[in-house]
Structure formats: structure tokens, C-alpha cells
C-alpha atoms as a PDB file:
ATOM      1  CA  MET A   1     121.502 233.487 152.501  1.00  0.00           C
ATOM      2  CA  ASN A   2     118.006 232.270 153.359  1.00  0.00           C
ATOM      3  CA  SER A   3     115.061 231.936 150.992  1.00  0.00           C
ATOM      4  CA  ASN A   4     113.354 235.148 152.120  1.00  0.00           C
ATOM      5  CA  GLU A   5     116.502 237.151 151.436  1.00  0.00           C
ATOM      6  CA  GLU A   6     116.810 235.567 147.983  1.00  0.00           C
ATOM      7  CA  ILE A   7     113.166 236.390 147.210  1.00  0.00           C
ATOM      8  CA  LYS A   8     113.693 239.987 148.316  1.00  0.00           C
ATOM      9  CA  ILE A   9     116.811 240.393 146.145  1.00  0.00           C
ATOM     10  CA  LEU A  10     115.158 238.856 143.073  1.00  0.00           C
ATOM     11  CA  THR A  11     112.052 241.009 143.579  1.00  0.00           C
ATOM     12  CA  GLU A  12     114.204 244.135 143.755  1.00  0.00           C
ATOM     13  CA  MET A  13     116.085 243.115 140.614  1.00  0.00           C
ATOM     14  CA  LEU A  14     112.845 242.525 138.711  1.00  0.00           C
ATOM     15  CA  PHE A  15     111.467 245.887 139.833  1.00  0.00           C
ATOM     16  CA  ILE A  16     114.643 247.672 138.729  1.00  0.00           C
ATOM     17  CA  LYS A  17     114.523 245.955 135.333  1.00  0.00           C
ATOM     18  CA  PHE A  18     110.801 246.421 134.595  1.00  0.00           C
ATOM     19  CA  ASN A  19     109.866 249.360 136.888  1.00  0.00           C
ATOM     20  CA  LYS A  20     106.510 247.795 137.764  1.00  0.00           C
ATOM     21  CA  ILE A  21     105.117 245.319 140.273  1.00  0.00           C
ATOM     22  CA  SER A  22     103.417 242.899 137.901  1.00  0.00           C
ATOM     23  CA  LEU A  23     104.445 241.454 134.566  1.00  0.00           C
ATOM     24  CA  SER A  24     102.571 240.199 131.543  1.00  0.00           C
ATOM     25  CA  ALA A  25     102.725 236.555 130.500  1.00  0.00           C
ATOM     26  CA  LYS A  26     105.209 237.495 127.772  1.00  0.00           C
ATOM     27  CA  GLU A  27     107.529 239.289 130.212  1.00  0.00           C
ATOM     28  CA  THR A  28     107.218 236.476 132.751  1.00  0.00           C
ATOM     29  CA  SER A  29     108.033 233.845 130.151  1.00  0.00           C
ATOM     30  CA  GLU A  30     111.149 235.802 129.169  1.00  0.00           C
ATOM     31  CA  VAL A  31     112.283 236.086 132.803  1.00  0.00           C
ATOM     32  CA  LEU A  32     111.787 232.376 133.435  1.00  0.00           C
ATOM     33  CA  GLY A  33     113.017 231.159 130.065  1.00  0.00           C
ATOM     34  CA  ILE A  34     109.817 229.265 129.308  1.00  0.00           C
ATOM     35  CA  SER A  35     107.133 229.718 126.676  1.00  0.00           C
ATOM     36  CA  GLU A  36     103.943 231.697 127.105  1.00  0.00           C
ATOM     37  CA  GLU A  37     102.171 228.446 126.226  1.00  0.00           C
ATOM     38  CA  ALA A  38     103.766 226.754 129.253  1.00  0.00           C
ATOM     39  CA  LEU A  39     102.450 229.541 131.478  1.00  0.00           C
ATOM     40  CA  LYS A  40      99.015 229.160 129.881  1.00  0.00           C
ATOM     41  CA  ASP A  41      99.079 225.413 130.558  1.00  0.00           C
ATOM     42  CA  ASP A  42     100.003 226.085 134.187  1.00  0.00           C
ATOM     43  CA  ARG A  43      97.101 228.542 134.524  1.00  0.00           C
ATOM     44  CA  GLN A  44      94.655 226.040 133.038  1.00  0.00           C
ATOM     45  CA  ASN A  45      95.951 223.278 135.327  1.00  0.00           C
ATOM     46  CA  ALA A  46      95.936 225.556 138.398  1.00  0.00           C
ATOM     47  CA  SER A  47      99.655 224.963 138.898  1.00  0.00           C
ATOM     48  CA  GLY A  48     102.760 227.090 138.606  1.00  0.00           C
ATOM     49  CA  ILE A  49     102.995 230.748 139.533  1.00  0.00           C
ATOM     50  CA  ALA A  50     100.090 232.533 141.196  1.00  0.00           C
ATOM     51  CA  PHE A  51      98.547 235.164 138.931  1.00  0.00           C
ATOM     52  CA  THR A  52      95.708 237.647 138.761  1.00  0.00           C
ATOM     53  CA  ARG A  53      93.469 238.656 135.908  1.00  0.00           C
ATOM     54  CA  ARG A  54      93.274 242.259 134.764  1.00  0.00           C
ATOM     55  CA  ASN A  55      89.954 243.799 135.839  1.00  0.00           C
ATOM     56  CA  ARG A  56      89.087 240.483 137.524  1.00  0.00           C
ATOM     57  CA  LYS A  57      87.496 239.268 134.311  1.00  0.00           C
ATOM     58  CA  GLU A  58      87.569 235.572 133.488  1.00  0.00           C
ATOM     59  CA  HIS A  59      89.353 236.230 130.207  1.00  0.00           C
ATOM     60  CA  GLY A  60      91.271 239.286 131.386  1.00  0.00           C
ATOM     61  CA  LYS A  61      94.982 239.542 130.715  1.00  0.00           C
ATOM     62  CA  PRO A  62      96.946 237.434 133.242  1.00  0.00           C
ATOM     63  CA  LEU A  63      99.429 239.368 135.373  1.00  0.00           C
ATOM     64  CA  TYR A  64     102.171 237.911 137.538  1.00  0.00           C
ATOM     65  CA  SER A  65     103.475 239.807 140.561  1.00  0.00           C
ATOM     66  CA  ILE A  66     107.232 240.138 140.655  1.00  0.00           C
ATOM     67  CA  THR A  67     107.179 238.744 144.203  1.00  0.00           C
ATOM     68  CA  ALA A  68     105.329 235.612 143.034  1.00  0.00           C
ATOM     69  CA  ILE A  69     107.843 235.192 140.200  1.00  0.00           C
ATOM     70  CA  ALA A  70     110.790 235.576 142.583  1.00  0.00           C
ATOM     71  CA  LYS A  71     109.230 233.154 145.084  1.00  0.00           C
ATOM     72  CA  HIS A  72     108.638 230.596 142.324  1.00  0.00           C
ATOM     73  CA  MET A  73     112.265 230.879 141.222  1.00  0.00           C
ATOM     74  CA  VAL A  74     113.632 230.398 144.747  1.00  0.00           C
ATOM     75  CA  ILE A  75     111.284 227.570 145.746  1.00  0.00           C
ATOM     76  CA  ASN A  76     112.054 225.628 142.558  1.00  0.00           C
ATOM     77  CA  GLN A  77     115.816 225.974 142.774  1.00  0.00           C
ATOM     78  CA  VAL A  78     117.780 222.777 142.595  1.00  0.00           C
ATOM     79  CA  ARG A  79     120.552 222.978 145.143  1.00  0.00           C
ATOM     80  CA  VAL A  80     123.832 221.212 144.401  1.00  0.00           C
ATOM     81  CA  ALA A  81     126.634 220.435 146.781  1.00  0.00           C
END
């Protein structure tokens, strides 16, 4: 299975679970098994998963697209033999 297929499958699974196309920081942290603080650090350091801000406001609630989450998971996989 190639990366694009994996991203598509993970995106579909996330949509089925949450029934929406973007997740809050709390939901994203639960999916990835990391803290909300780690996501906040990534946002402040301009690293990690791409995100948008609600209403495009500087301090608006960060939202993560399920596609960006799936892509992050696939790209950061550690493959073992």
C-alpha cells in the first residue's frame, strides 16, 4: 500500500469516528496520543501538523484537518523490516 492510499484510509477512519473534517486540539491530541501542550508548542514553533485558526483570528481556536492529521501520521511512520 502506498502513502496516498494510507492517508486516504486514515482520513476516512477519522471522518467516520468524528463525523467532521476538522478536529480541535483536544481531539487531535487524543488521536495522536500526545498532549495539547505538545501541539501548542508545535504551533508556536511553526512545526508539526498544519492547522487553521477559527475565524482567521490570531487567537482563534486552532483546528486540524483530518487529512493533515492522517498525512502527519503516515509521513512520520517508522518502518521496520
